[in-house]
Amino acid sequence: MMEQQTFWFLDDDRQQSGRRVPGAAGVFAEVEALEELKEIALQCNRCHLRQGCKGVVFGEGDPKAKVMLVGEGPGAVEDEMGRPFVGPAGQLLDRILEAAGFRREEVYIANAVKCRPPGNRMPEPAEIAACFPYLEAQIRIIQPAILVCLGAAAAKALLHPQARITEIRGQWQDRGGIKVMPTYHPAALLRDPGKKRPVWQDFKAIRAEFERFSGT
């Protein structure tokens, strides 16, 4: 069992008790549209990552998507183009989505941090915490039925700071009534093709849950 730690952006007890939680619930509580939130994010300097990248990669997709995918952070290609998951890992994700019966345009894609970490390294906990209010607000506005954690950083941000993707991958989780499926990041599949089969199993489960929810 993972040792309990206090992270303001993961403290479900405080959220459920109705007490004001610093972050999205307070900072962006009055923001009701993704475009408005994006304009705020584009001016963000909440952490040092903004000084080392070309720009903020906010996210894209259907603003009313029932499936929302959350990755770790932008890479070099994403930073250059200002769009999430458009490099080699993103191209693989597109193929996975298509095989699972989803069009990229009907899901929403974002990241745990919206600015590229130096050298494409894993985002640090403080960076995830600084950026989390934007992700939390995106989830609140979009109201997806299913969240997909692509990789360890997303799982740590949305589920628990000590979450291990190798242990929880493929197991449905719950986050405030939203079904959450943790799976490997597409970049991990490029490094280790052996992970493709379990990820495909995860996306089949995601598709089945989507169809159950949609009644199709």
Protein backbone atom coordinates (compact mmCIF):
# COMPACT_ATOMS: atom_id res chain seq x y z
CA MET A 1 0.00 0.00 0.00
CA MET A 2 1.28 3.46 -0.86
CA GLU A 3 2.15 5.68 2.10
CA GLN A 4 -0.30 8.57 2.44
CA GLN A 5 1.20 12.00 1.76
CA THR A 6 -0.34 15.45 1.84
CA PHE A 7 -0.58 16.96 -1.63
CA TRP A 8 -3.14 19.79 -1.82
CA PHE A 9 -4.09 18.81 -5.35
CA LEU A 10 -4.76 15.19 -4.41
CA ASP A 11 -6.44 15.51 -1.02
CA ASP A 12 -9.81 13.89 -1.73
CA ASP A 13 -10.94 14.19 1.88
CA ARG A 14 -10.67 17.97 1.80
CA GLN A 15 -12.35 18.15 -1.61
CA GLN A 16 -15.24 15.98 -0.51
CA SER A 17 -15.67 17.84 2.77
CA GLY A 18 -16.48 20.99 0.82
CA ARG A 19 -13.60 23.00 2.26
CA ARG A 20 -11.80 25.30 -0.13
CA VAL A 21 -8.84 23.53 -1.73
CA PRO A 22 -6.07 25.72 -3.17
CA GLY A 23 -5.66 25.24 -6.91
CA ALA A 24 -8.26 24.87 -9.62
CA ALA A 25 -11.26 25.01 -7.31
CA GLY A 26 -10.13 28.43 -6.10
CA VAL A 27 -7.88 29.96 -8.74
CA PHE A 28 -10.06 29.13 -11.76
CA ALA A 29 -13.45 28.53 -10.15
CA GLU A 30 -15.09 31.26 -12.23
CA VAL A 31 -13.58 30.12 -15.54
CA GLU A 32 -16.28 28.32 -17.50
CA ALA A 33 -14.80 27.96 -21.00
CA LEU A 34 -11.66 26.24 -22.26
CA GLU A 35 -10.74 29.18 -24.48
CA GLU A 36 -10.81 31.52 -21.50
CA LEU A 37 -8.68 29.09 -19.50
CA LYS A 38 -6.28 28.76 -22.43
CA GLU A 39 -5.77 32.52 -22.62
CA ILE A 40 -4.84 32.52 -18.94
CA ALA A 41 -2.50 29.54 -19.38
CA LEU A 42 -0.69 31.17 -22.29
CA GLN A 43 0.41 33.95 -19.94
CA CYS A 44 1.41 31.57 -17.14
CA ASN A 45 4.71 31.80 -15.28
CA ARG A 46 3.77 29.70 -12.25
CA CYS A 47 7.00 27.68 -12.51
CA HIS A 48 10.41 27.89 -14.16
CA LEU A 49 9.47 25.61 -17.09
CA ARG A 50 7.97 28.53 -18.99
CA GLN A 51 11.39 30.20 -19.26
CA GLY A 52 12.92 27.16 -20.95
CA CYS A 53 10.33 26.38 -23.64
CA LYS A 54 8.90 28.03 -26.72
CA GLY A 55 5.37 28.20 -25.40
CA VAL A 56 2.48 26.68 -23.49
CA VAL A 57 0.92 23.52 -24.95
CA PHE A 58 -2.58 23.82 -23.54
CA GLY A 59 -4.40 20.80 -24.98
CA GLU A 60 -6.82 20.10 -27.80
CA GLY A 61 -9.85 18.09 -28.80
CA ASP A 62 -13.59 17.99 -28.27
CA PRO A 63 -14.51 20.38 -25.42
CA LYS A 64 -17.36 18.00 -24.55
CA ALA A 65 -15.33 14.80 -24.92
CA LYS A 66 -16.36 11.79 -22.88
CA VAL A 67 -12.79 10.45 -23.04
CA MET A 68 -9.90 12.64 -21.90
CA LEU A 69 -6.29 11.52 -22.18
CA VAL A 70 -3.59 13.02 -19.97
CA GLY A 71 0.10 12.60 -20.75
CA GLU A 72 3.23 13.77 -18.98
CA GLY A 73 4.46 16.90 -20.75
CA PRO A 74 5.20 18.32 -24.19
CA GLY A 75 8.22 17.07 -26.11
CA ALA A 76 10.35 18.95 -28.62
CA VAL A 77 7.90 18.58 -31.51
CA GLU A 78 4.93 19.52 -29.32
CA ASP A 79 6.79 22.57 -28.02
CA GLU A 80 7.58 23.63 -31.57
CA MET A 81 4.02 23.17 -32.86
CA GLY A 82 2.10 24.14 -29.74
CA ARG A 83 0.00 20.96 -29.85
CA PRO A 84 0.02 17.87 -27.60
CA PHE A 85 1.08 14.44 -28.87
CA VAL A 86 2.13 15.30 -32.42
CA GLY A 87 5.62 13.76 -32.36
CA PRO A 88 6.45 10.05 -32.81
CA ALA A 89 4.65 9.09 -29.58
CA GLY A 90 1.64 11.13 -30.66
CA GLN A 91 1.53 9.44 -34.04
CA LEU A 92 1.50 6.08 -32.28
CA LEU A 93 -1.28 7.32 -30.00
CA ASP A 94 -3.32 8.31 -33.05
CA ARG A 95 -3.00 4.77 -34.40
CA ILE A 96 -3.99 3.27 -31.05
CA LEU A 97 -7.04 5.53 -30.85
CA GLU A 98 -8.07 4.66 -34.39
CA ALA A 99 -7.70 0.94 -33.73
CA ALA A 100 -9.87 1.33 -30.63
CA GLY A 101 -12.57 3.09 -32.65
CA PHE A 102 -11.87 6.67 -31.57
CA ARG A 103 -11.15 9.68 -33.74
CA ARG A 104 -8.62 12.11 -32.31
CA GLU A 105 -11.15 14.90 -32.77
CA GLU A 106 -13.69 13.23 -30.46
CA VAL A 107 -11.39 12.91 -27.45
CA TYR A 108 -9.53 15.58 -25.51
CA ILE A 109 -5.76 15.40 -25.05
CA ALA A 110 -3.75 17.29 -22.43
CA ASN A 111 -0.68 16.86 -20.22
CA ALA A 112 0.21 16.96 -16.54
CA VAL A 113 2.44 19.97 -17.32
CA LYS A 114 1.88 22.34 -20.20
CA CYS A 115 5.47 23.45 -20.77
CA ARG A 116 8.28 21.22 -22.01
CA PRO A 117 10.64 19.99 -19.28
CA PRO A 118 14.33 20.36 -20.25
CA GLY A 119 15.58 17.42 -22.28
CA ASN A 120 12.12 15.84 -22.24
CA ARG A 121 12.74 14.65 -18.68
CA MET A 122 9.91 13.55 -16.38
CA PRO A 123 8.09 16.51 -14.77
CA GLU A 124 9.03 17.06 -11.15
CA PRO A 125 6.39 17.01 -8.39
CA ALA A 126 6.65 20.78 -7.84
CA GLU A 127 6.14 21.39 -11.57
CA ILE A 128 3.10 19.11 -11.65
CA ALA A 129 1.69 20.90 -8.59
CA ALA A 130 2.21 24.34 -10.17
CA CYS A 131 0.44 23.28 -13.37
CA PHE A 132 -2.25 21.12 -11.79
CA PRO A 133 -4.87 23.89 -11.41
CA TYR A 134 -5.07 24.14 -15.20
CA LEU A 135 -5.54 20.39 -15.63
CA GLU A 136 -8.12 20.26 -12.83
CA ALA A 137 -10.03 23.14 -14.42
CA GLN A 138 -9.90 21.41 -17.82
CA ILE A 139 -11.41 18.28 -16.28
CA ARG A 140 -14.09 20.32 -14.52
CA ILE A 141 -15.07 22.15 -17.72
CA ILE A 142 -14.96 19.13 -20.04
CA GLN A 143 -16.59 16.72 -17.57
CA PRO A 144 -15.29 13.50 -19.17
CA ALA A 145 -16.71 10.14 -18.21
CA ILE A 146 -13.30 8.46 -18.65
CA LEU A 147 -9.81 9.73 -17.89
CA VAL A 148 -6.81 7.92 -19.36
CA CYS A 149 -3.49 8.40 -17.57
CA LEU A 150 -0.73 8.02 -20.14
CA GLY A 151 2.35 7.29 -18.08
CA ALA A 152 3.62 7.72 -14.55
CA ALA A 153 3.43 11.52 -14.26
CA ALA A 154 -0.26 11.59 -15.17
CA ALA A 155 -1.01 8.75 -12.72
CA LYS A 156 0.85 10.54 -9.94
CA ALA A 157 -0.97 13.80 -10.67
CA LEU A 158 -4.47 12.38 -10.95
CA LEU A 159 -4.38 9.39 -8.60
CA HIS A 160 -1.62 9.43 -5.98
CA PRO A 161 1.90 10.91 -5.75
CA GLN A 162 3.32 7.44 -5.11
CA ALA A 163 1.34 5.67 -7.83
CA ARG A 164 3.43 3.17 -9.78
CA ILE A 165 2.25 2.75 -13.34
CA THR A 166 3.67 -0.78 -13.48
CA GLU A 167 1.45 -1.79 -10.54
CA ILE A 168 -1.84 -0.05 -11.39
CA ARG A 169 -1.74 -0.21 -15.20
CA GLY A 170 -4.89 -1.73 -16.63
CA GLN A 171 -6.88 -1.44 -13.38
CA TRP A 172 -9.86 0.90 -13.30
CA GLN A 173 -9.60 3.62 -10.69
CA ASP A 174 -12.11 6.23 -9.53
CA ARG A 175 -11.55 9.95 -9.21
CA GLY A 176 -14.59 11.83 -8.00
CA GLY A 177 -16.97 9.64 -9.97
CA ILE A 178 -14.84 9.62 -13.12
CA LYS A 179 -13.48 6.26 -14.29
CA VAL A 180 -9.69 6.39 -14.64
CA MET A 181 -7.57 3.96 -16.65
CA PRO A 182 -3.80 4.15 -16.06
CA THR A 183 -1.69 2.80 -18.92
CA TYR A 184 1.78 3.19 -20.36
CA HIS A 185 2.81 6.33 -22.21
CA PRO A 186 3.11 5.80 -25.99
CA ALA A 187 6.78 6.80 -25.76
CA ALA A 188 7.35 3.76 -23.53
CA LEU A 189 5.96 1.57 -26.30
CA LEU A 190 8.48 3.01 -28.75
CA ARG A 191 11.27 2.09 -26.35
CA ASP A 192 9.80 -1.29 -25.42
CA PRO A 193 7.46 -2.84 -28.03
CA GLY A 194 6.58 -5.54 -25.50
CA LYS A 195 4.32 -2.99 -23.80
CA LYS A 196 2.11 -2.67 -26.88
CA ARG A 197 -0.04 -5.69 -26.07
CA PRO A 198 -1.00 -4.61 -22.53
CA VAL A 199 -1.75 -1.08 -23.76
CA TRP A 200 -3.99 -2.51 -26.46
CA GLN A 201 -5.82 -4.51 -23.77
CA ASP A 202 -6.27 -1.29 -21.81
CA PHE A 203 -7.72 0.56 -24.79
CA LYS A 204 -10.11 -2.27 -25.51
CA ALA A 205 -11.32 -1.90 -21.92
CA ILE A 206 -11.62 1.85 -22.43
CA ARG A 207 -13.66 1.29 -25.58
CA ALA A 208 -15.94 -1.18 -23.81
CA GLU A 209 -16.52 1.25 -20.93
CA PHE A 210 -17.18 4.07 -23.41
CA GLU A 211 -19.78 1.98 -25.20
CA ARG A 212 -21.36 0.96 -21.91
CA PHE A 213 -21.57 4.60 -20.86
CA SER A 214 -22.87 5.72 -24.25
CA GLY A 215 -25.32 2.88 -24.54
CA THR A 216 -23.94 1.82 -27.94
